[in-house]
N, C-alpha and C. Protein backbone atom coordinates (compact mmCIF):
# COMPACT_ATOMS: atom_id res chain seq x y z
N MET A 1 0.84 -1.18 0.00
CA MET A 1 0.00 0.00 0.00
C MET A 1 0.89 1.24 0.00
N SER A 2 0.84 2.00 -1.05
CA SER A 2 1.65 3.21 -1.16
C SER A 2 0.90 4.39 -0.57
N ARG A 3 1.49 5.03 0.40
CA ARG A 3 0.84 6.21 0.99
C ARG A 3 0.97 7.42 0.07
N ILE A 4 2.16 7.57 -0.51
CA ILE A 4 2.39 8.73 -1.37
C ILE A 4 1.68 8.55 -2.71
N GLY A 5 1.80 7.38 -3.31
CA GLY A 5 1.22 7.14 -4.63
C GLY A 5 -0.29 7.24 -4.65
N ASN A 6 -0.95 6.92 -3.55
CA ASN A 6 -2.42 6.93 -3.52
C ASN A 6 -3.01 8.32 -3.31
N LYS A 7 -2.18 9.28 -2.87
CA LYS A 7 -2.69 10.63 -2.65
C LYS A 7 -2.95 11.31 -3.99
N PRO A 8 -4.13 11.87 -4.20
CA PRO A 8 -4.38 12.60 -5.45
C PRO A 8 -3.61 13.92 -5.46
N ILE A 9 -3.29 14.39 -6.64
CA ILE A 9 -2.55 15.65 -6.80
C ILE A 9 -3.57 16.74 -7.11
N PRO A 10 -3.75 17.71 -6.21
CA PRO A 10 -4.71 18.79 -6.50
C PRO A 10 -4.18 19.70 -7.61
N LEU A 11 -5.07 20.09 -8.50
CA LEU A 11 -4.71 20.98 -9.60
C LEU A 11 -5.28 22.36 -9.36
N PRO A 12 -4.43 23.40 -9.25
CA PRO A 12 -4.96 24.76 -9.17
C PRO A 12 -5.67 25.13 -10.46
N LYS A 13 -6.49 26.15 -10.39
CA LYS A 13 -7.31 26.55 -11.53
C LYS A 13 -6.47 27.00 -12.73
N GLU A 14 -5.31 27.62 -12.49
CA GLU A 14 -4.51 28.16 -13.58
C GLU A 14 -3.61 27.12 -14.25
N VAL A 15 -3.66 25.86 -13.80
CA VAL A 15 -2.81 24.81 -14.35
C VAL A 15 -3.62 23.93 -15.30
N THR A 16 -3.04 23.66 -16.47
CA THR A 16 -3.66 22.72 -17.41
C THR A 16 -2.71 21.56 -17.62
N VAL A 17 -3.26 20.35 -17.68
CA VAL A 17 -2.46 19.14 -17.84
C VAL A 17 -2.92 18.42 -19.10
N ASN A 18 -1.96 18.01 -19.91
CA ASN A 18 -2.24 17.25 -21.12
C ASN A 18 -1.52 15.91 -20.99
N ILE A 19 -2.28 14.81 -20.91
CA ILE A 19 -1.71 13.48 -20.75
C ILE A 19 -1.89 12.75 -22.07
N ASN A 20 -0.77 12.36 -22.68
CA ASN A 20 -0.80 11.67 -23.97
C ASN A 20 -0.02 10.37 -23.80
N GLY A 21 -0.67 9.33 -23.33
CA GLY A 21 0.00 8.04 -23.09
C GLY A 21 0.99 8.17 -21.95
N VAL A 22 2.28 8.07 -22.27
CA VAL A 22 3.31 8.17 -21.23
C VAL A 22 3.86 9.58 -21.11
N HIS A 23 3.42 10.49 -21.97
CA HIS A 23 3.93 11.87 -21.97
C HIS A 23 2.96 12.78 -21.23
N VAL A 24 3.48 13.51 -20.24
CA VAL A 24 2.66 14.44 -19.45
C VAL A 24 3.19 15.85 -19.67
N LEU A 25 2.30 16.79 -20.01
CA LEU A 25 2.64 18.19 -20.23
C LEU A 25 1.83 19.02 -19.25
N VAL A 26 2.54 19.83 -18.44
CA VAL A 26 1.88 20.67 -17.44
C VAL A 26 2.18 22.12 -17.76
N LYS A 27 1.12 22.94 -17.92
CA LYS A 27 1.27 24.37 -18.21
C LYS A 27 0.71 25.15 -17.04
N GLY A 28 1.43 26.21 -16.67
CA GLY A 28 1.00 27.06 -15.57
C GLY A 28 1.47 28.48 -15.78
N PRO A 29 1.25 29.35 -14.79
CA PRO A 29 1.63 30.76 -14.96
C PRO A 29 3.14 30.98 -15.06
N LYS A 30 3.96 30.10 -14.52
CA LYS A 30 5.41 30.29 -14.57
C LYS A 30 6.07 29.63 -15.77
N GLY A 31 5.34 28.75 -16.47
CA GLY A 31 5.94 28.10 -17.63
C GLY A 31 5.34 26.75 -17.91
N THR A 32 6.07 25.96 -18.70
CA THR A 32 5.61 24.64 -19.12
C THR A 32 6.66 23.60 -18.80
N LEU A 33 6.23 22.46 -18.27
CA LEU A 33 7.11 21.33 -18.01
C LEU A 33 6.52 20.09 -18.66
N GLU A 34 7.41 19.23 -19.15
CA GLU A 34 6.94 17.97 -19.71
C GLU A 34 7.86 16.85 -19.26
N GLN A 35 7.29 15.66 -19.18
CA GLN A 35 8.02 14.50 -18.68
C GLN A 35 7.47 13.24 -19.32
N ASP A 36 8.35 12.32 -19.68
CA ASP A 36 7.94 11.00 -20.13
C ASP A 36 7.97 10.07 -18.93
N LEU A 37 6.87 9.40 -18.67
CA LEU A 37 6.76 8.52 -17.53
C LEU A 37 6.84 7.07 -17.97
N ARG A 38 7.00 6.17 -17.02
CA ARG A 38 7.04 4.75 -17.33
C ARG A 38 5.67 4.29 -17.80
N PRO A 39 5.60 3.38 -18.80
CA PRO A 39 4.30 2.96 -19.34
C PRO A 39 3.48 2.11 -18.37
N GLU A 40 4.11 1.53 -17.35
CA GLU A 40 3.36 0.69 -16.42
C GLU A 40 2.38 1.49 -15.57
N ILE A 41 2.70 2.75 -15.28
CA ILE A 41 1.92 3.57 -14.37
C ILE A 41 1.02 4.49 -15.20
N THR A 42 -0.24 4.62 -14.78
CA THR A 42 -1.17 5.48 -15.51
C THR A 42 -1.51 6.72 -14.68
N VAL A 43 -1.61 7.84 -15.36
CA VAL A 43 -1.99 9.11 -14.73
C VAL A 43 -3.28 9.55 -15.40
N LYS A 44 -4.31 9.83 -14.59
CA LYS A 44 -5.60 10.27 -15.12
C LYS A 44 -6.02 11.55 -14.43
N GLN A 45 -6.70 12.42 -15.19
CA GLN A 45 -7.25 13.64 -14.62
C GLN A 45 -8.71 13.40 -14.29
N GLU A 46 -9.04 13.56 -13.02
CA GLU A 46 -10.42 13.42 -12.56
C GLU A 46 -10.83 14.72 -11.89
N GLU A 47 -11.69 15.46 -12.54
CA GLU A 47 -12.17 16.77 -12.07
C GLU A 47 -10.97 17.70 -11.85
N GLU A 48 -10.76 18.16 -10.63
CA GLU A 48 -9.69 19.12 -10.33
C GLU A 48 -8.49 18.46 -9.68
N GLN A 49 -8.22 17.21 -10.03
CA GLN A 49 -7.06 16.52 -9.45
C GLN A 49 -6.55 15.45 -10.41
N LEU A 50 -5.30 15.05 -10.17
CA LEU A 50 -4.69 13.98 -10.93
C LEU A 50 -4.58 12.75 -10.04
N VAL A 51 -4.86 11.57 -10.61
CA VAL A 51 -4.79 10.32 -9.86
C VAL A 51 -3.80 9.40 -10.57
N VAL A 52 -2.85 8.85 -9.79
CA VAL A 52 -1.84 7.95 -10.32
C VAL A 52 -2.19 6.54 -9.86
N THR A 53 -2.25 5.59 -10.80
CA THR A 53 -2.59 4.20 -10.45
C THR A 53 -1.54 3.25 -11.00
N ARG A 54 -1.45 2.09 -10.37
CA ARG A 54 -0.51 1.05 -10.80
C ARG A 54 -1.29 -0.21 -11.15
N PRO A 55 -0.73 -1.06 -12.03
CA PRO A 55 -1.48 -2.23 -12.47
C PRO A 55 -1.49 -3.39 -11.48
N SER A 56 -0.45 -3.51 -10.65
CA SER A 56 -0.39 -4.66 -9.74
C SER A 56 0.38 -4.29 -8.48
N GLU A 57 0.51 -5.26 -7.58
CA GLU A 57 1.24 -5.08 -6.34
C GLU A 57 2.69 -5.54 -6.47
N ASP A 58 3.17 -5.67 -7.69
CA ASP A 58 4.55 -6.06 -7.94
C ASP A 58 5.48 -5.02 -7.31
N LYS A 59 6.67 -5.45 -6.87
CA LYS A 59 7.60 -4.54 -6.20
C LYS A 59 8.00 -3.36 -7.11
N LEU A 60 8.25 -3.64 -8.37
CA LEU A 60 8.61 -2.57 -9.31
C LEU A 60 7.47 -1.58 -9.47
N HIS A 61 6.25 -2.09 -9.60
CA HIS A 61 5.10 -1.20 -9.76
C HIS A 61 4.85 -0.36 -8.51
N ARG A 62 5.06 -0.94 -7.34
CA ARG A 62 4.88 -0.18 -6.11
C ARG A 62 5.89 0.95 -6.02
N SER A 63 7.15 0.67 -6.37
CA SER A 63 8.17 1.72 -6.29
C SER A 63 7.94 2.81 -7.34
N LEU A 64 7.51 2.42 -8.54
CA LEU A 64 7.24 3.41 -9.59
C LEU A 64 6.01 4.25 -9.29
N HIS A 65 5.08 3.70 -8.51
CA HIS A 65 3.84 4.40 -8.18
C HIS A 65 4.14 5.69 -7.43
N GLY A 66 4.87 5.59 -6.33
CA GLY A 66 5.21 6.78 -5.54
C GLY A 66 6.11 7.74 -6.29
N LEU A 67 7.06 7.19 -7.05
CA LEU A 67 7.97 8.03 -7.83
C LEU A 67 7.22 8.86 -8.86
N THR A 68 6.33 8.21 -9.59
CA THR A 68 5.57 8.91 -10.64
C THR A 68 4.69 10.00 -10.04
N ARG A 69 4.02 9.69 -8.95
CA ARG A 69 3.16 10.68 -8.30
C ARG A 69 3.98 11.88 -7.85
N THR A 70 5.17 11.65 -7.28
CA THR A 70 6.02 12.74 -6.82
C THR A 70 6.54 13.58 -7.98
N LEU A 71 6.93 12.94 -9.08
CA LEU A 71 7.41 13.69 -10.24
C LEU A 71 6.34 14.60 -10.80
N VAL A 72 5.12 14.08 -10.93
CA VAL A 72 4.03 14.90 -11.47
C VAL A 72 3.65 16.01 -10.50
N ALA A 73 3.63 15.72 -9.19
CA ALA A 73 3.32 16.75 -8.20
C ALA A 73 4.38 17.86 -8.21
N ASN A 74 5.65 17.49 -8.39
CA ASN A 74 6.72 18.49 -8.47
C ASN A 74 6.56 19.37 -9.71
N MET A 75 6.05 18.80 -10.80
CA MET A 75 5.81 19.59 -12.00
C MET A 75 4.70 20.61 -11.75
N VAL A 76 3.62 20.19 -11.07
CA VAL A 76 2.51 21.10 -10.79
C VAL A 76 2.97 22.23 -9.87
N ILE A 77 3.73 21.90 -8.83
CA ILE A 77 4.24 22.93 -7.92
C ILE A 77 5.20 23.86 -8.65
N GLY A 78 6.03 23.31 -9.53
CA GLY A 78 7.00 24.12 -10.27
C GLY A 78 6.37 25.16 -11.15
N VAL A 79 5.30 24.81 -11.86
CA VAL A 79 4.68 25.78 -12.78
C VAL A 79 3.79 26.78 -12.05
N THR A 80 3.47 26.52 -10.77
CA THR A 80 2.66 27.49 -10.02
C THR A 80 3.52 28.34 -9.09
N GLN A 81 4.40 27.72 -8.30
CA GLN A 81 5.20 28.45 -7.32
C GLN A 81 6.66 28.57 -7.71
N GLY A 82 7.22 27.54 -8.33
CA GLY A 82 8.64 27.52 -8.65
C GLY A 82 9.45 27.00 -7.47
N TYR A 83 10.73 26.79 -7.70
CA TYR A 83 11.63 26.27 -6.67
C TYR A 83 12.81 27.20 -6.52
N THR A 84 13.31 27.31 -5.28
CA THR A 84 14.46 28.15 -4.99
C THR A 84 15.39 27.42 -4.04
N LYS A 85 16.68 27.48 -4.32
CA LYS A 85 17.71 26.97 -3.41
C LYS A 85 18.55 28.17 -3.01
N ASN A 86 18.66 28.41 -1.70
CA ASN A 86 19.46 29.51 -1.18
C ASN A 86 20.82 28.98 -0.76
N LEU A 87 21.87 29.70 -1.15
CA LEU A 87 23.23 29.31 -0.81
C LEU A 87 23.94 30.46 -0.13
N GLU A 88 24.95 30.12 0.67
CA GLU A 88 25.76 31.11 1.39
C GLU A 88 27.23 30.81 1.15
N ILE A 89 28.02 31.87 1.18
CA ILE A 89 29.47 31.73 1.04
C ILE A 89 30.10 32.17 2.35
N SER A 90 30.99 31.36 2.90
CA SER A 90 31.70 31.77 4.09
C SER A 90 33.20 31.64 3.84
N GLY A 91 33.94 32.62 4.29
CA GLY A 91 35.38 32.66 4.10
C GLY A 91 35.82 34.09 3.84
N VAL A 92 36.98 34.45 4.35
CA VAL A 92 37.50 35.81 4.20
C VAL A 92 37.82 36.05 2.73
N GLY A 93 37.22 37.09 2.15
CA GLY A 93 37.47 37.44 0.76
C GLY A 93 36.63 36.68 -0.24
N TYR A 94 35.83 35.73 0.21
CA TYR A 94 34.96 34.99 -0.69
C TYR A 94 33.70 35.82 -0.93
N ARG A 95 33.30 35.97 -2.19
CA ARG A 95 32.10 36.75 -2.48
C ARG A 95 31.57 36.37 -3.86
N VAL A 96 30.35 36.84 -4.14
CA VAL A 96 29.72 36.60 -5.42
C VAL A 96 29.11 37.90 -5.91
N ALA A 97 29.12 38.09 -7.22
CA ALA A 97 28.49 39.26 -7.85
C ALA A 97 27.78 38.76 -9.09
N LYS A 98 26.81 39.54 -9.53
CA LYS A 98 26.04 39.17 -10.72
C LYS A 98 26.34 40.18 -11.82
N GLU A 99 26.78 39.66 -12.96
CA GLU A 99 27.03 40.50 -14.14
C GLU A 99 26.09 40.02 -15.24
N GLY A 100 25.04 40.77 -15.48
CA GLY A 100 24.02 40.32 -16.43
C GLY A 100 23.26 39.17 -15.80
N ASN A 101 23.32 37.99 -16.41
CA ASN A 101 22.71 36.81 -15.80
C ASN A 101 23.77 35.80 -15.36
N VAL A 102 25.04 36.21 -15.33
CA VAL A 102 26.16 35.34 -14.98
C VAL A 102 26.61 35.65 -13.56
N LEU A 103 26.90 34.59 -12.78
CA LEU A 103 27.46 34.78 -11.45
C LEU A 103 28.98 34.77 -11.54
N VAL A 104 29.62 35.72 -10.85
CA VAL A 104 31.07 35.81 -10.81
C VAL A 104 31.50 35.62 -9.36
N PHE A 105 32.28 34.55 -9.12
CA PHE A 105 32.71 34.20 -7.77
C PHE A 105 34.17 34.56 -7.57
N ALA A 106 34.48 35.08 -6.38
CA ALA A 106 35.86 35.22 -5.92
C ALA A 106 36.00 34.24 -4.77
N LEU A 107 36.69 33.12 -5.02
CA LEU A 107 36.74 32.03 -4.05
C LEU A 107 38.17 31.67 -3.64
N GLY A 108 39.08 32.63 -3.74
CA GLY A 108 40.45 32.38 -3.33
C GLY A 108 41.30 31.75 -4.42
N PHE A 109 40.75 31.59 -5.62
CA PHE A 109 41.55 31.10 -6.73
C PHE A 109 42.30 32.27 -7.35
N SER A 110 43.20 32.00 -8.29
CA SER A 110 43.95 33.07 -8.93
C SER A 110 43.11 33.82 -9.95
N HIS A 111 41.88 33.39 -10.19
CA HIS A 111 41.02 34.00 -11.20
C HIS A 111 39.58 33.96 -10.69
N PRO A 112 38.75 34.88 -11.17
CA PRO A 112 37.32 34.79 -10.82
C PRO A 112 36.66 33.63 -11.59
N VAL A 113 35.69 33.01 -10.95
CA VAL A 113 34.97 31.89 -11.57
C VAL A 113 33.62 32.40 -12.04
N ARG A 114 33.31 32.15 -13.32
CA ARG A 114 32.05 32.61 -13.90
C ARG A 114 31.15 31.41 -14.14
N ILE A 115 29.89 31.52 -13.70
CA ILE A 115 28.91 30.45 -13.89
C ILE A 115 27.73 31.01 -14.67
N GLU A 116 27.43 30.40 -15.80
CA GLU A 116 26.26 30.78 -16.59
C GLU A 116 25.10 29.87 -16.21
N PRO A 117 23.88 30.40 -16.17
CA PRO A 117 22.74 29.58 -15.75
C PRO A 117 22.32 28.59 -16.84
N ALA A 118 21.80 27.46 -16.40
CA ALA A 118 21.21 26.49 -17.32
C ALA A 118 19.90 27.09 -17.85
N PRO A 119 19.38 26.57 -18.94
CA PRO A 119 18.10 27.10 -19.46
C PRO A 119 16.98 26.97 -18.42
N GLY A 120 16.25 28.07 -18.22
CA GLY A 120 15.15 28.07 -17.26
C GLY A 120 15.57 28.41 -15.84
N ILE A 121 16.83 28.72 -15.62
CA ILE A 121 17.34 29.02 -14.28
C ILE A 121 17.71 30.49 -14.20
N THR A 122 17.38 31.12 -13.07
CA THR A 122 17.79 32.50 -12.83
C THR A 122 18.54 32.56 -11.51
N PHE A 123 19.51 33.45 -11.43
CA PHE A 123 20.28 33.67 -10.23
C PHE A 123 19.87 35.00 -9.61
N ASN A 124 19.90 35.07 -8.29
CA ASN A 124 19.60 36.30 -7.58
C ASN A 124 20.64 36.46 -6.48
N VAL A 125 21.36 37.59 -6.48
CA VAL A 125 22.36 37.86 -5.46
C VAL A 125 21.78 38.85 -4.47
N GLU A 126 21.61 38.42 -3.22
CA GLU A 126 21.05 39.28 -2.18
C GLU A 126 22.14 40.13 -1.54
N THR A 127 23.22 39.51 -1.10
CA THR A 127 24.38 40.19 -0.54
C THR A 127 25.61 39.56 -1.19
N PRO A 128 26.80 40.10 -0.97
CA PRO A 128 27.99 39.47 -1.56
C PRO A 128 28.27 38.05 -1.06
N THR A 129 27.58 37.62 -0.01
CA THR A 129 27.80 36.27 0.49
C THR A 129 26.55 35.40 0.45
N ARG A 130 25.45 35.91 -0.07
CA ARG A 130 24.21 35.14 -0.16
C ARG A 130 23.62 35.27 -1.56
N PHE A 131 23.21 34.15 -2.12
CA PHE A 131 22.57 34.16 -3.43
C PHE A 131 21.62 32.99 -3.52
N SER A 132 20.79 33.00 -4.58
CA SER A 132 19.81 31.93 -4.73
C SER A 132 19.73 31.48 -6.19
N VAL A 133 19.31 30.23 -6.36
CA VAL A 133 19.09 29.64 -7.68
C VAL A 133 17.60 29.37 -7.77
N THR A 134 16.94 29.89 -8.81
CA THR A 134 15.49 29.78 -8.94
C THR A 134 15.12 29.23 -10.31
N GLY A 135 14.04 28.42 -10.34
CA GLY A 135 13.55 27.87 -11.59
C GLY A 135 12.26 27.11 -11.36
N ILE A 136 11.70 26.54 -12.43
CA ILE A 136 10.45 25.81 -12.29
C ILE A 136 10.65 24.30 -12.22
N ASP A 137 11.81 23.79 -12.65
CA ASP A 137 12.08 22.36 -12.62
C ASP A 137 12.92 22.04 -11.39
N LYS A 138 12.37 21.27 -10.47
CA LYS A 138 13.04 20.97 -9.21
C LYS A 138 14.38 20.26 -9.42
N GLN A 139 14.44 19.35 -10.37
CA GLN A 139 15.67 18.61 -10.62
C GLN A 139 16.77 19.53 -11.15
N VAL A 140 16.44 20.43 -12.05
CA VAL A 140 17.43 21.33 -12.63
C VAL A 140 17.92 22.33 -11.60
N VAL A 141 17.01 22.85 -10.76
CA VAL A 141 17.40 23.80 -9.71
C VAL A 141 18.37 23.12 -8.74
N GLY A 142 18.06 21.90 -8.34
CA GLY A 142 18.93 21.18 -7.41
C GLY A 142 20.28 20.86 -8.00
N SER A 143 20.32 20.43 -9.25
CA SER A 143 21.60 20.08 -9.86
C SER A 143 22.44 21.33 -10.13
N GLU A 144 21.80 22.44 -10.45
CA GLU A 144 22.55 23.69 -10.67
C GLU A 144 23.14 24.20 -9.35
N ALA A 145 22.36 24.11 -8.27
CA ALA A 145 22.87 24.51 -6.96
C ALA A 145 24.02 23.60 -6.53
N ALA A 146 23.91 22.31 -6.79
CA ALA A 146 24.98 21.38 -6.44
C ALA A 146 26.23 21.64 -7.28
N ARG A 147 26.03 22.00 -8.54
CA ARG A 147 27.17 22.32 -9.41
C ARG A 147 27.93 23.54 -8.90
N ILE A 148 27.19 24.53 -8.41
CA ILE A 148 27.83 25.73 -7.86
C ILE A 148 28.54 25.39 -6.55
N ARG A 149 27.92 24.56 -5.74
CA ARG A 149 28.53 24.17 -4.45
C ARG A 149 29.83 23.42 -4.66
N GLU A 150 29.95 22.70 -5.77
CA GLU A 150 31.16 21.93 -6.07
C GLU A 150 32.37 22.84 -6.33
N LEU A 151 32.14 24.12 -6.65
CA LEU A 151 33.26 25.03 -6.90
C LEU A 151 34.17 25.11 -5.69
N LYS A 152 33.58 25.20 -4.51
CA LYS A 152 34.35 25.30 -3.28
C LYS A 152 33.54 24.64 -2.17
N LYS A 153 33.70 23.34 -2.03
CA LYS A 153 32.98 22.61 -1.00
C LYS A 153 33.40 23.12 0.38
N PRO A 154 32.49 23.12 1.34
CA PRO A 154 32.88 23.56 2.68
C PRO A 154 33.88 22.58 3.29
N GLU A 155 34.93 23.12 3.87
CA GLU A 155 35.92 22.24 4.47
C GLU A 155 35.78 22.25 5.99
N PRO A 156 36.05 21.14 6.64
CA PRO A 156 35.69 20.99 8.06
C PRO A 156 36.62 21.69 9.05
N TYR A 157 37.80 22.14 8.65
CA TYR A 157 38.72 22.72 9.62
C TYR A 157 38.48 24.21 9.83
N LEU A 158 38.28 24.97 8.76
CA LEU A 158 38.04 26.41 8.89
C LEU A 158 36.59 26.78 8.58
N GLY A 159 35.84 25.88 7.96
CA GLY A 159 34.44 26.15 7.63
C GLY A 159 34.24 27.04 6.43
N LYS A 160 35.27 27.17 5.59
CA LYS A 160 35.18 28.04 4.42
C LYS A 160 34.59 27.27 3.25
N GLY A 161 33.79 27.95 2.41
CA GLY A 161 33.24 27.32 1.22
C GLY A 161 31.81 27.77 0.95
N ILE A 162 31.16 27.09 0.02
CA ILE A 162 29.77 27.40 -0.36
C ILE A 162 28.87 26.34 0.28
N ILE A 163 27.87 26.81 1.02
CA ILE A 163 26.95 25.89 1.70
C ILE A 163 25.51 26.26 1.37
N PHE A 164 24.60 25.28 1.51
CA PHE A 164 23.18 25.57 1.39
C PHE A 164 22.74 26.30 2.65
N GLN A 165 21.77 27.20 2.53
CA GLN A 165 21.31 27.96 3.68
C GLN A 165 20.72 27.00 4.72
N GLY A 166 21.16 27.12 5.94
CA GLY A 166 20.69 26.26 7.01
C GLY A 166 21.53 25.00 7.18
N GLU A 167 22.45 24.73 6.27
CA GLU A 167 23.30 23.54 6.37
C GLU A 167 24.33 23.73 7.48
N ARG A 168 24.58 22.69 8.23
CA ARG A 168 25.57 22.73 9.31
C ARG A 168 26.81 21.98 8.86
N ILE A 169 27.96 22.61 8.99
CA ILE A 169 29.22 21.98 8.65
C ILE A 169 29.80 21.39 9.93
N ARG A 170 30.05 20.10 9.89
CA ARG A 170 30.63 19.46 11.06
C ARG A 170 32.10 19.83 11.13
N ARG A 171 32.46 20.56 12.17
CA ARG A 171 33.82 21.07 12.30
C ARG A 171 34.71 20.05 12.98
N LYS A 172 35.98 20.02 12.57
CA LYS A 172 36.97 19.13 13.17
C LYS A 172 38.00 19.99 13.89
N ALA A 173 38.58 19.42 14.92
CA ALA A 173 39.66 20.11 15.62
C ALA A 173 40.92 20.01 14.77
N GLY A 174 41.76 21.03 14.84
CA GLY A 174 43.00 21.02 14.09
C GLY A 174 44.04 20.15 14.77
N LYS A 175 45.31 20.37 14.41
CA LYS A 175 46.37 19.60 15.04
C LYS A 175 46.43 19.91 16.52
N ALA A 176 46.66 18.90 17.30
CA ALA A 176 46.70 19.08 18.75
C ALA A 176 48.07 19.60 19.20
N GLY A 177 49.07 19.45 18.36
CA GLY A 177 50.40 19.90 18.73
C GLY A 177 51.22 18.75 19.32
N LYS A 178 52.49 19.03 19.64
CA LYS A 178 53.37 17.99 20.20
C LYS A 178 53.06 17.80 21.67
N VAL A 179 52.90 16.56 22.05
CA VAL A 179 52.63 16.28 23.46
C VAL A 179 53.84 15.61 24.09
N GLY A 180 54.29 14.55 23.54
CA GLY A 180 55.43 13.84 24.12
C GLY A 180 56.25 13.15 23.07
N GLY A 181 56.53 13.84 21.99
CA GLY A 181 57.25 13.24 20.88
C GLY A 181 58.72 13.09 21.17
N LYS A 182 59.52 12.84 20.14
CA LYS A 182 60.97 12.67 20.27
C LYS A 182 61.62 13.97 20.71
N LYS A 183 62.74 13.80 21.42
CA LYS A 183 63.49 14.98 21.85
C LYS A 183 64.71 15.15 21.02
């Protein structure tokens, strides 16, 4: 019994869904998303909601049931509200600036690092140490934020690097020093 897969997906009034076999197209005020789903799982529109059903209690069908429902629900949320990942930079001299639609990072390298957004992604710089990645596709927003975080992963000794907002970096103690070594 899938708890997630059995929940119907409510459709806001401004969202239209076109289901063509395994292809689902969702249009909303923020844009359009489309996805090809597995043929085993069926998605039907009933009044103001979408219902996802599976053909049997097979293990594969049970796992695809919840996955398909979540993917379609993320598409509906994306075209109505959108997704945002907030990131922070910590470290002396580390900062970010926006030039046009490109982010320019100063991360302690010998050169500034420039990141161009993927299609459908926008960057917003709030302060020189805080910025956000925004878009309608949850997967693309997450992968773009992870790609930016890879530029300078947070390190555990000084805590410098790019982190997601609210993320805690587990700090390690540095060298303890000589206690009773050779004389």
